Amino acid sequence: MKWLGLRWMGRFLAVLVLCVSVWAAPPERFVARVSHVTDGDTLWVEPQGGGSPRKLRLLGIDAPEICQNGGTASRAALQTMVAHRRVEVQVAFNDSYERGLASIYLDGQDVAATMVLSGQAWAERWHNRIGRFEAQEADARAAGRGLFADPLAELPRDFRRRHGSCQTPGQPPLAEPR
Protein backbone atom coordinates (compact mmCIF):
# COMPACT_ATOMS: atom_id res chain seq x y z
CA MET A 1 0.00 0.00 0.00
CA LYS A 2 2.82 2.38 0.84
CA TRP A 3 4.29 1.71 -2.62
CA LEU A 4 1.00 2.72 -4.28
CA GLY A 5 1.02 6.05 -2.42
CA LEU A 6 4.60 6.74 -3.47
CA ARG A 7 3.77 6.01 -7.10
CA TRP A 8 0.87 8.49 -7.07
CA MET A 9 3.02 11.03 -5.26
CA GLY A 10 5.67 10.67 -7.99
CA ARG A 11 3.09 11.21 -10.72
CA PHE A 12 1.69 14.22 -8.91
CA LEU A 13 5.14 15.76 -8.58
CA ALA A 14 5.91 15.13 -12.26
CA VAL A 15 2.69 16.88 -13.32
CA LEU A 16 3.39 19.72 -10.90
CA VAL A 17 6.90 20.24 -12.33
CA LEU A 18 5.49 20.23 -15.87
CA CYS A 19 2.81 22.79 -14.96
CA VAL A 20 5.31 25.07 -13.23
CA SER A 21 7.71 24.89 -16.17
CA VAL A 22 4.94 25.81 -18.62
CA TRP A 23 3.65 28.59 -16.37
CA ALA A 24 7.13 29.99 -15.79
CA ALA A 25 8.08 29.93 -19.48
CA PRO A 26 9.13 33.37 -20.72
CA PRO A 27 6.65 35.13 -22.98
CA GLU A 28 7.04 34.71 -26.72
CA ARG A 29 8.09 38.04 -28.26
CA PHE A 30 8.01 39.15 -31.88
CA VAL A 31 7.27 42.09 -34.16
CA ALA A 32 4.28 41.83 -36.48
CA ARG A 33 1.90 43.75 -38.71
CA VAL A 34 -1.78 43.80 -37.76
CA SER A 35 -3.70 42.35 -40.68
CA HIS A 36 -7.27 42.17 -39.33
CA VAL A 37 -9.28 43.25 -36.29
CA THR A 38 -12.07 40.86 -35.31
CA ASP A 39 -13.50 42.80 -32.38
CA GLY A 40 -12.38 45.17 -29.63
CA ASP A 41 -9.98 42.71 -28.04
CA THR A 42 -9.10 40.22 -30.80
CA LEU A 43 -6.90 40.72 -33.85
CA TRP A 44 -4.75 38.89 -36.37
CA VAL A 45 -1.08 39.62 -36.97
CA GLU A 46 1.49 38.56 -39.54
CA PRO A 47 4.86 38.00 -37.81
CA GLN A 48 7.62 40.11 -39.37
CA GLY A 49 10.00 37.15 -39.36
CA GLY A 50 7.59 35.04 -41.40
CA GLY A 51 5.30 32.24 -40.39
CA SER A 52 1.57 31.81 -40.26
CA PRO A 53 -0.79 34.62 -39.29
CA ARG A 54 -1.60 34.56 -35.57
CA LYS A 55 -4.90 35.22 -33.84
CA LEU A 56 -4.32 37.18 -30.62
CA ARG A 57 -6.47 38.44 -27.77
CA LEU A 58 -5.41 41.51 -25.82
CA LEU A 59 -4.35 40.42 -22.35
CA GLY A 60 -6.07 42.09 -19.42
CA ILE A 61 -9.20 43.51 -21.06
CA ASP A 62 -12.69 42.45 -22.09
CA ALA A 63 -14.31 44.35 -24.96
CA PRO A 64 -18.02 44.15 -25.76
CA GLU A 65 -19.18 41.31 -27.96
CA ILE A 66 -19.58 42.46 -31.56
CA CYS A 67 -23.39 41.96 -31.31
CA GLN A 68 -23.52 43.79 -27.97
CA ASN A 69 -24.11 47.53 -27.62
CA GLY A 70 -20.75 49.21 -28.11
CA GLY A 71 -19.24 46.19 -29.88
CA THR A 72 -18.85 47.73 -33.31
CA ALA A 73 -17.53 51.00 -31.85
CA SER A 74 -14.95 49.06 -29.84
CA ARG A 75 -13.83 47.16 -32.93
CA ALA A 76 -13.63 50.40 -34.93
CA ALA A 77 -11.49 52.01 -32.21
CA LEU A 78 -9.02 49.11 -32.25
CA GLN A 79 -8.98 49.10 -36.08
CA THR A 80 -8.26 52.82 -36.19
CA MET A 81 -5.44 52.39 -33.70
CA VAL A 82 -3.59 49.34 -35.06
CA ALA A 83 -4.83 48.17 -38.49
CA HIS A 84 -1.90 47.55 -40.86
CA ARG A 85 0.52 48.96 -38.29
CA ARG A 86 3.73 47.42 -36.97
CA VAL A 87 3.35 46.27 -33.35
CA GLU A 88 5.44 44.52 -30.72
CA VAL A 89 3.81 41.35 -29.38
CA GLN A 90 4.41 39.46 -26.13
CA VAL A 91 2.34 36.27 -26.00
CA ALA A 92 1.93 35.09 -22.40
CA PHE A 93 0.00 31.86 -23.20
CA ASN A 94 -2.86 30.50 -25.33
CA ASP A 95 -6.49 30.50 -24.24
CA SER A 96 -9.08 27.76 -24.71
CA TYR A 97 -9.90 29.15 -28.19
CA GLU A 98 -6.23 28.75 -29.25
CA ARG A 99 -5.72 32.50 -29.35
CA GLY A 100 -2.49 33.84 -27.98
CA LEU A 101 -3.18 36.04 -24.97
CA ALA A 102 -0.81 38.90 -25.58
CA SER A 103 0.37 42.31 -24.54
CA ILE A 104 0.62 44.36 -27.72
CA TYR A 105 2.54 47.62 -27.97
CA LEU A 106 2.23 50.31 -30.62
CA ASP A 107 5.02 52.87 -30.50
CA GLY A 108 5.78 51.76 -26.94
CA GLN A 109 2.18 52.22 -25.72
CA ASP A 110 0.16 49.27 -24.37
CA VAL A 111 -2.79 48.88 -26.77
CA ALA A 112 -4.99 47.24 -24.10
CA ALA A 113 -4.43 50.11 -21.65
CA THR A 114 -5.33 52.59 -24.40
CA MET A 115 -8.54 50.69 -25.20
CA VAL A 116 -9.64 50.82 -21.54
CA LEU A 117 -8.60 54.46 -21.06
CA SER A 118 -10.59 55.47 -24.14
CA GLY A 119 -13.66 53.66 -22.78
CA GLN A 120 -13.72 50.96 -25.47
CA ALA A 121 -13.16 47.99 -23.12
CA TRP A 122 -13.34 47.01 -19.48
CA ALA A 123 -10.36 46.00 -17.38
CA GLU A 124 -10.57 42.22 -17.09
CA ARG A 125 -12.16 40.86 -13.93
CA TRP A 126 -11.30 37.67 -12.10
CA HIS A 127 -13.59 36.64 -9.26
CA ASN A 128 -14.92 40.23 -9.09
CA ARG A 129 -11.44 41.70 -8.79
CA ILE A 130 -10.42 44.28 -11.37
CA GLY A 131 -7.19 43.54 -13.20
CA ARG A 132 -4.14 45.59 -14.03
CA PHE A 133 -6.01 48.32 -15.92
CA GLU A 134 -8.16 49.37 -12.96
CA ALA A 135 -6.79 52.94 -12.96
CA GLN A 136 -7.46 53.38 -16.69
CA GLU A 137 -11.04 52.13 -16.25
CA ALA A 138 -11.64 54.46 -13.30
CA ASP A 139 -10.37 57.40 -15.39
CA ALA A 140 -12.60 56.47 -18.35
CA ARG A 141 -15.63 56.04 -16.06
CA ALA A 142 -15.05 59.38 -14.36
CA ALA A 143 -14.79 61.11 -17.73
CA GLY A 144 -17.78 59.21 -19.21
CA ARG A 145 -15.73 58.02 -22.20
CA GLY A 146 -17.00 55.46 -24.69
CA LEU A 147 -18.87 52.59 -23.05
CA PHE A 148 -18.88 54.41 -19.73
CA ALA A 149 -21.12 57.17 -21.12
CA ASP A 150 -23.94 54.60 -20.82
CA PRO A 151 -24.84 53.90 -17.18
CA LEU A 152 -26.45 50.61 -18.29
CA ALA A 153 -23.39 49.30 -20.14
CA GLU A 154 -23.11 45.58 -19.44
CA LEU A 155 -19.91 43.67 -18.83
CA PRO A 156 -19.24 41.31 -21.75
CA ARG A 157 -18.98 38.31 -19.41
CA ASP A 158 -22.50 39.04 -18.10
CA PHE A 159 -23.76 39.51 -21.65
CA ARG A 160 -22.24 36.14 -22.69
CA ARG A 161 -23.77 34.43 -19.64
CA ARG A 162 -27.23 35.65 -20.65
CA HIS A 163 -26.99 35.38 -24.44
CA GLY A 164 -23.99 33.24 -25.34
CA SER A 165 -21.40 34.18 -27.90
CA CYS A 166 -22.30 36.27 -30.92
CA GLN A 167 -20.69 33.60 -33.07
CA THR A 168 -23.30 30.97 -32.18
CA PRO A 169 -24.48 29.56 -35.57
CA GLY A 170 -27.94 30.67 -36.61
CA GLN A 171 -28.25 33.19 -33.79
CA PRO A 172 -29.52 36.62 -34.88
CA PRO A 173 -27.74 39.74 -33.62
CA LEU A 174 -28.83 40.51 -30.08
CA ALA A 175 -28.21 44.23 -30.04
CA GLU A 176 -28.18 46.96 -32.61
CA PRO A 177 -24.92 48.88 -32.83
CA ARG A 178 -25.15 52.42 -31.51
C-alpha atoms as a PDB file:
ATOM      1  CA  MET A   1       0.000   0.000   0.000  1.00  0.00           C
ATOM      2  CA  LYS A   2       2.815   2.378   0.844  1.00  0.00           C
ATOM      3  CA  TRP A   3       4.288   1.711  -2.616  1.00  0.00           C
ATOM      4  CA  LEU A   4       1.005   2.716  -4.276  1.00  0.00           C
ATOM      5  CA  GLY A   5       1.019   6.052  -2.423  1.00  0.00           C
ATOM      6  CA  LEU A   6       4.598   6.736  -3.468  1.00  0.00           C
ATOM      7  CA  ARG A   7       3.772   6.006  -7.099  1.00  0.00           C
ATOM      8  CA  TRP A   8       0.874   8.485  -7.068  1.00  0.00           C
ATOM      9  CA  MET A   9       3.017  11.032  -5.261  1.00  0.00           C
ATOM     10  CA  GLY A  10       5.666  10.666  -7.985  1.00  0.00           C
ATOM     11  CA  ARG A  11       3.092  11.209 -10.720  1.00  0.00           C
ATOM     12  CA  PHE A  12       1.690  14.223  -8.911  1.00  0.00           C
ATOM     13  CA  LEU A  13       5.144  15.764  -8.581  1.00  0.00           C
ATOM     14  CA  ALA A  14       5.907  15.131 -12.263  1.00  0.00           C
ATOM     15  CA  VAL A  15       2.691  16.883 -13.320  1.00  0.00           C
ATOM     16  CA  LEU A  16       3.391  19.717 -10.902  1.00  0.00           C
ATOM     17  CA  VAL A  17       6.896  20.242 -12.325  1.00  0.00           C
ATOM     18  CA  LEU A  18       5.490  20.234 -15.870  1.00  0.00           C
ATOM     19  CA  CYS A  19       2.813  22.793 -14.962  1.00  0.00           C
ATOM     20  CA  VAL A  20       5.306  25.067 -13.225  1.00  0.00           C
ATOM     21  CA  SER A  21       7.713  24.891 -16.166  1.00  0.00           C
ATOM     22  CA  VAL A  22       4.940  25.808 -18.624  1.00  0.00           C
ATOM     23  CA  TRP A  23       3.648  28.589 -16.367  1.00  0.00           C
ATOM     24  CA  ALA A  24       7.130  29.990 -15.792  1.00  0.00           C
ATOM     25  CA  ALA A  25       8.084  29.933 -19.483  1.00  0.00           C
ATOM     26  CA  PRO A  26       9.128  33.373 -20.716  1.00  0.00           C
ATOM     27  CA  PRO A  27       6.645  35.125 -22.980  1.00  0.00           C
ATOM     28  CA  GLU A  28       7.041  34.708 -26.718  1.00  0.00           C
ATOM     29  CA  ARG A  29       8.091  38.042 -28.258  1.00  0.00           C
ATOM     30  CA  PHE A  30       8.011  39.150 -31.876  1.00  0.00           C
ATOM     31  CA  VAL A  31       7.272  42.088 -34.160  1.00  0.00           C
ATOM     32  CA  ALA A  32       4.280  41.832 -36.481  1.00  0.00           C
ATOM     33  CA  ARG A  33       1.904  43.749 -38.714  1.00  0.00           C
ATOM     34  CA  VAL A  34      -1.776  43.804 -37.757  1.00  0.00           C
ATOM     35  CA  SER A  35      -3.704  42.347 -40.679  1.00  0.00           C
ATOM     36  CA  HIS A  36      -7.267  42.166 -39.331  1.00  0.00           C
ATOM     37  CA  VAL A  37      -9.282  43.254 -36.288  1.00  0.00           C
ATOM     38  CA  THR A  38     -12.073  40.864 -35.315  1.00  0.00           C
ATOM     39  CA  ASP A  39     -13.502  42.796 -32.375  1.00  0.00           C
ATOM     40  CA  GLY A  40     -12.379  45.173 -29.635  1.00  0.00           C
ATOM     41  CA  ASP A  41      -9.977  42.710 -28.037  1.00  0.00           C
ATOM     42  CA  THR A  42      -9.101  40.219 -30.796  1.00  0.00           C
ATOM     43  CA  LEU A  43      -6.904  40.722 -33.852  1.00  0.00           C
ATOM     44  CA  TRP A  44      -4.752  38.892 -36.374  1.00  0.00           C
ATOM     45  CA  VAL A  45      -1.084  39.620 -36.965  1.00  0.00           C
ATOM     46  CA  GLU A  46       1.485  38.556 -39.537  1.00  0.00           C
ATOM     47  CA  PRO A  47       4.860  38.005 -37.813  1.00  0.00           C
ATOM     48  CA  GLN A  48       7.620  40.109 -39.367  1.00  0.00           C
ATOM     49  CA  GLY A  49      10.005  37.150 -39.359  1.00  0.00           C
ATOM     50  CA  GLY A  50       7.585  35.037 -41.404  1.00  0.00           C
ATOM     51  CA  GLY A  51       5.304  32.241 -40.394  1.00  0.00           C
ATOM     52  CA  SER A  52       1.567  31.811 -40.264  1.00  0.00           C
ATOM     53  CA  PRO A  53      -0.794  34.619 -39.287  1.00  0.00           C
ATOM     54  CA  ARG A  54      -1.599  34.557 -35.570  1.00  0.00           C
ATOM     55  CA  LYS A  55      -4.898  35.220 -33.837  1.00  0.00           C
ATOM     56  CA  LEU A  56      -4.316  37.179 -30.620  1.00  0.00           C
ATOM     57  CA  ARG A  57      -6.468  38.441 -27.775  1.00  0.00           C
ATOM     58  CA  LEU A  58      -5.410  41.506 -25.821  1.00  0.00           C
ATOM     59  CA  LEU A  59      -4.352  40.423 -22.347  1.00  0.00           C
ATOM     60  CA  GLY A  60      -6.071  42.087 -19.420  1.00  0.00           C
ATOM     61  CA  ILE A  61      -9.198  43.506 -21.062  1.00  0.00           C
ATOM     62  CA  ASP A  62     -12.689  42.454 -22.087  1.00  0.00           C
ATOM     63  CA  ALA A  63     -14.307  44.346 -24.957  1.00  0.00           C
ATOM     64  CA  PRO A  64     -18.016  44.150 -25.763  1.00  0.00           C
ATOM     65  CA  GLU A  65     -19.175  41.308 -27.962  1.00  0.00           C
ATOM     66  CA  ILE A  66     -19.584  42.460 -31.556  1.00  0.00           C
ATOM     67  CA  CYS A  67     -23.390  41.962 -31.307  1.00  0.00           C
ATOM     68  CA  GLN A  68     -23.519  43.789 -27.970  1.00  0.00           C
ATOM     69  CA  ASN A  69     -24.113  47.533 -27.618  1.00  0.00           C
ATOM     70  CA  GLY A  70     -20.749  49.208 -28.111  1.00  0.00           C
ATOM     71  CA  GLY A  71     -19.244  46.186 -29.877  1.00  0.00           C
ATOM     72  CA  THR A  72     -18.852  47.726 -33.311  1.00  0.00           C
ATOM     73  CA  ALA A  73     -17.530  50.996 -31.853  1.00  0.00           C
ATOM     74  CA  SER A  74     -14.947  49.059 -29.844  1.00  0.00           C
ATOM     75  CA  ARG A  75     -13.829  47.161 -32.929  1.00  0.00           C
ATOM     76  CA  ALA A  76     -13.634  50.397 -34.931  1.00  0.00           C
ATOM     77  CA  ALA A  77     -11.487  52.009 -32.208  1.00  0.00           C
ATOM     78  CA  LEU A  78      -9.025  49.105 -32.250  1.00  0.00           C
ATOM     79  CA  GLN A  79      -8.984  49.100 -36.078  1.00  0.00           C
ATOM     80  CA  THR A  80      -8.255  52.817 -36.186  1.00  0.00           C
ATOM     81  CA  MET A  81      -5.438  52.390 -33.697  1.00  0.00           C
ATOM     82  CA  VAL A  82      -3.589  49.342 -35.064  1.00  0.00           C
ATOM     83  CA  ALA A  83      -4.828  48.170 -38.492  1.00  0.00           C
ATOM     84  CA  HIS A  84      -1.899  47.554 -40.860  1.00  0.00           C
ATOM     85  CA  ARG A  85       0.521  48.963 -38.294  1.00  0.00           C
ATOM     86  CA  ARG A  86       3.725  47.415 -36.969  1.00  0.00           C
ATOM     87  CA  VAL A  87       3.347  46.268 -33.346  1.00  0.00           C
ATOM     88  CA  GLU A  88       5.436  44.517 -30.723  1.00  0.00           C
ATOM     89  CA  VAL A  89       3.813  41.345 -29.384  1.00  0.00           C
ATOM     90  CA  GLN A  90       4.413  39.464 -26.129  1.00  0.00           C
ATOM     91  CA  VAL A  91       2.345  36.269 -25.996  1.00  0.00           C
ATOM     92  CA  ALA A  92       1.927  35.091 -22.399  1.00  0.00           C
ATOM     93  CA  PHE A  93       0.000  31.860 -23.201  1.00  0.00           C
ATOM     94  CA  ASN A  94      -2.857  30.495 -25.335  1.00  0.00           C
ATOM     95  CA  ASP A  95      -6.489  30.500 -24.237  1.00  0.00           C
ATOM     96  CA  SER A  96      -9.081  27.757 -24.712  1.00  0.00           C
ATOM     97  CA  TYR A  97      -9.896  29.152 -28.185  1.00  0.00           C
ATOM     98  CA  GLU A  98      -6.225  28.745 -29.249  1.00  0.00           C
ATOM     99  CA  ARG A  99      -5.717  32.496 -29.353  1.00  0.00           C
ATOM    100  CA  GLY A 100      -2.493  33.841 -27.978  1.00  0.00           C
ATOM    101  CA  LEU A 101      -3.183  36.044 -24.967  1.00  0.00           C
ATOM    102  CA  ALA A 102      -0.812  38.899 -25.577  1.00  0.00           C
ATOM    103  CA  SER A 103       0.366  42.307 -24.543  1.00  0.00           C
ATOM    104  CA  ILE A 104       0.624  44.363 -27.719  1.00  0.00           C
ATOM    105  CA  TYR A 105       2.543  47.616 -27.970  1.00  0.00           C
ATOM    106  CA  LEU A 106       2.226  50.313 -30.618  1.00  0.00           C
ATOM    107  CA  ASP A 107       5.024  52.873 -30.498  1.00  0.00           C
ATOM    108  CA  GLY A 108       5.777  51.758 -26.936  1.00  0.00           C
ATOM    109  CA  GLN A 109       2.175  52.215 -25.724  1.00  0.00           C
ATOM    110  CA  ASP A 110       0.162  49.269 -24.375  1.00  0.00           C
ATOM    111  CA  VAL A 111      -2.792  48.884 -26.771  1.00  0.00           C
ATOM    112  CA  ALA A 112      -4.991  47.240 -24.096  1.00  0.00           C
ATOM    113  CA  ALA A 113      -4.429  50.115 -21.655  1.00  0.00           C
ATOM    114  CA  THR A 114      -5.332  52.589 -24.396  1.00  0.00           C
ATOM    115  CA  MET A 115      -8.544  50.690 -25.195  1.00  0.00           C
ATOM    116  CA  VAL A 116      -9.643  50.821 -21.545  1.00  0.00           C
ATOM    117  CA  LEU A 117      -8.596  54.458 -21.058  1.00  0.00           C
ATOM    118  CA  SER A 118     -10.594  55.469 -24.140  1.00  0.00           C
ATOM    119  CA  GLY A 119     -13.664  53.659 -22.780  1.00  0.00           C
ATOM    120  CA  GLN A 120     -13.721  50.962 -25.470  1.00  0.00           C
ATOM    121  CA  ALA A 121     -13.158  47.986 -23.119  1.00  0.00           C
ATOM    122  CA  TRP A 122     -13.339  47.011 -19.477  1.00  0.00           C
ATOM    123  CA  ALA A 123     -10.361  46.000 -17.380  1.00  0.00           C
ATOM    124  CA  GLU A 124     -10.572  42.224 -17.085  1.00  0.00           C
ATOM    125  CA  ARG A 125     -12.156  40.859 -13.932  1.00  0.00           C
ATOM    126  CA  TRP A 126     -11.298  37.666 -12.098  1.00  0.00           C
ATOM    127  CA  HIS A 127     -13.590  36.640  -9.260  1.00  0.00           C
ATOM    128  CA  ASN A 128     -14.917  40.226  -9.094  1.00  0.00           C
ATOM    129  CA  ARG A 129     -11.436  41.698  -8.790  1.00  0.00           C
ATOM    130  CA  ILE A 130     -10.423  44.278 -11.367  1.00  0.00           C
ATOM    131  CA  GLY A 131      -7.185  43.542 -13.200  1.00  0.00           C
ATOM    132  CA  ARG A 132      -4.140  45.591 -14.027  1.00  0.00           C
ATOM    133  CA  PHE A 133      -6.012  48.321 -15.924  1.00  0.00           C
ATOM    134  CA  GLU A 134      -8.157  49.370 -12.962  1.00  0.00           C
ATOM    135  CA  ALA A 135      -6.793  52.939 -12.957  1.00  0.00           C
ATOM    136  CA  GLN A 136      -7.465  53.377 -16.689  1.00  0.00           C
ATOM    137  CA  GLU A 137     -11.037  52.130 -16.250  1.00  0.00           C
ATOM    138  CA  ALA A 138     -11.635  54.461 -13.297  1.00  0.00           C
ATOM    139  CA  ASP A 139     -10.372  57.396 -15.391  1.00  0.00           C
ATOM    140  CA  ALA A 140     -12.602  56.467 -18.355  1.00  0.00           C
ATOM    141  CA  ARG A 141     -15.628  56.038 -16.062  1.00  0.00           C
ATOM    142  CA  ALA A 142     -15.045  59.381 -14.356  1.00  0.00           C
ATOM    143  CA  ALA A 143     -14.789  61.111 -17.734  1.00  0.00           C
ATOM    144  CA  GLY A 144     -17.776  59.210 -19.207  1.00  0.00           C
ATOM    145  CA  ARG A 145     -15.727  58.025 -22.199  1.00  0.00           C
ATOM    146  CA  GLY A 146     -17.002  55.455 -24.691  1.00  0.00           C
ATOM    147  CA  LEU A 147     -18.871  52.586 -23.048  1.00  0.00           C
ATOM    148  CA  PHE A 148     -18.878  54.411 -19.731  1.00  0.00           C
ATOM    149  CA  ALA A 149     -21.117  57.166 -21.116  1.00  0.00           C
ATOM    150  CA  ASP A 150     -23.945  54.602 -20.820  1.00  0.00           C
ATOM    151  CA  PRO A 151     -24.844  53.896 -17.179  1.00  0.00           C
ATOM    152  CA  LEU A 152     -26.445  50.613 -18.288  1.00  0.00           C
ATOM    153  CA  ALA A 153     -23.385  49.299 -20.145  1.00  0.00           C
ATOM    154  CA  GLU A 154     -23.112  45.582 -19.443  1.00  0.00           C
ATOM    155  CA  LEU A 155     -19.909  43.669 -18.827  1.00  0.00           C
ATOM    156  CA  PRO A 156     -19.237  41.308 -21.746  1.00  0.00           C
ATOM    157  CA  ARG A 157     -18.979  38.309 -19.409  1.00  0.00           C
ATOM    158  CA  ASP A 158     -22.505  39.037 -18.101  1.00  0.00           C
ATOM    159  CA  PHE A 159     -23.764  39.507 -21.653  1.00  0.00           C
ATOM    160  CA  ARG A 160     -22.241  36.139 -22.689  1.00  0.00           C
ATOM    161  CA  ARG A 161     -23.770  34.434 -19.641  1.00  0.00           C
ATOM    162  CA  ARG A 162     -27.234  35.648 -20.650  1.00  0.00           C
ATOM    163  CA  HIS A 163     -26.993  35.379 -24.443  1.00  0.00           C
ATOM    164  CA  GLY A 164     -23.988  33.236 -25.341  1.00  0.00           C
ATOM    165  CA  SER A 165     -21.400  34.181 -27.895  1.00  0.00           C
ATOM    166  CA  CYS A 166     -22.301  36.268 -30.916  1.00  0.00           C
ATOM    167  CA  GLN A 167     -20.695  33.599 -33.073  1.00  0.00           C
ATOM    168  CA  THR A 168     -23.302  30.966 -32.181  1.00  0.00           C
ATOM    169  CA  PRO A 169     -24.481  29.560 -35.568  1.00  0.00           C
ATOM    170  CA  GLY A 170     -27.936  30.675 -36.609  1.00  0.00           C
ATOM    171  CA  GLN A 171     -28.249  33.192 -33.794  1.00  0.00           C
ATOM    172  CA  PRO A 172     -29.518  36.615 -34.884  1.00  0.00           C
ATOM    173  CA  PRO A 173     -27.739  39.743 -33.624  1.00  0.00           C
ATOM    174  CA  LEU A 174     -28.830  40.513 -30.077  1.00  0.00           C
ATOM    175  CA  ALA A 175     -28.214  44.229 -30.039  1.00  0.00           C
ATOM    176  CA  GLU A 176     -28.184  46.957 -32.605  1.00  0.00           C
ATOM    177  CA  PRO A 177     -24.918  48.881 -32.827  1.00  0.00           C
ATOM    178  CA  ARG A 178     -25.153  52.418 -31.513  1.00  0.00           C
END
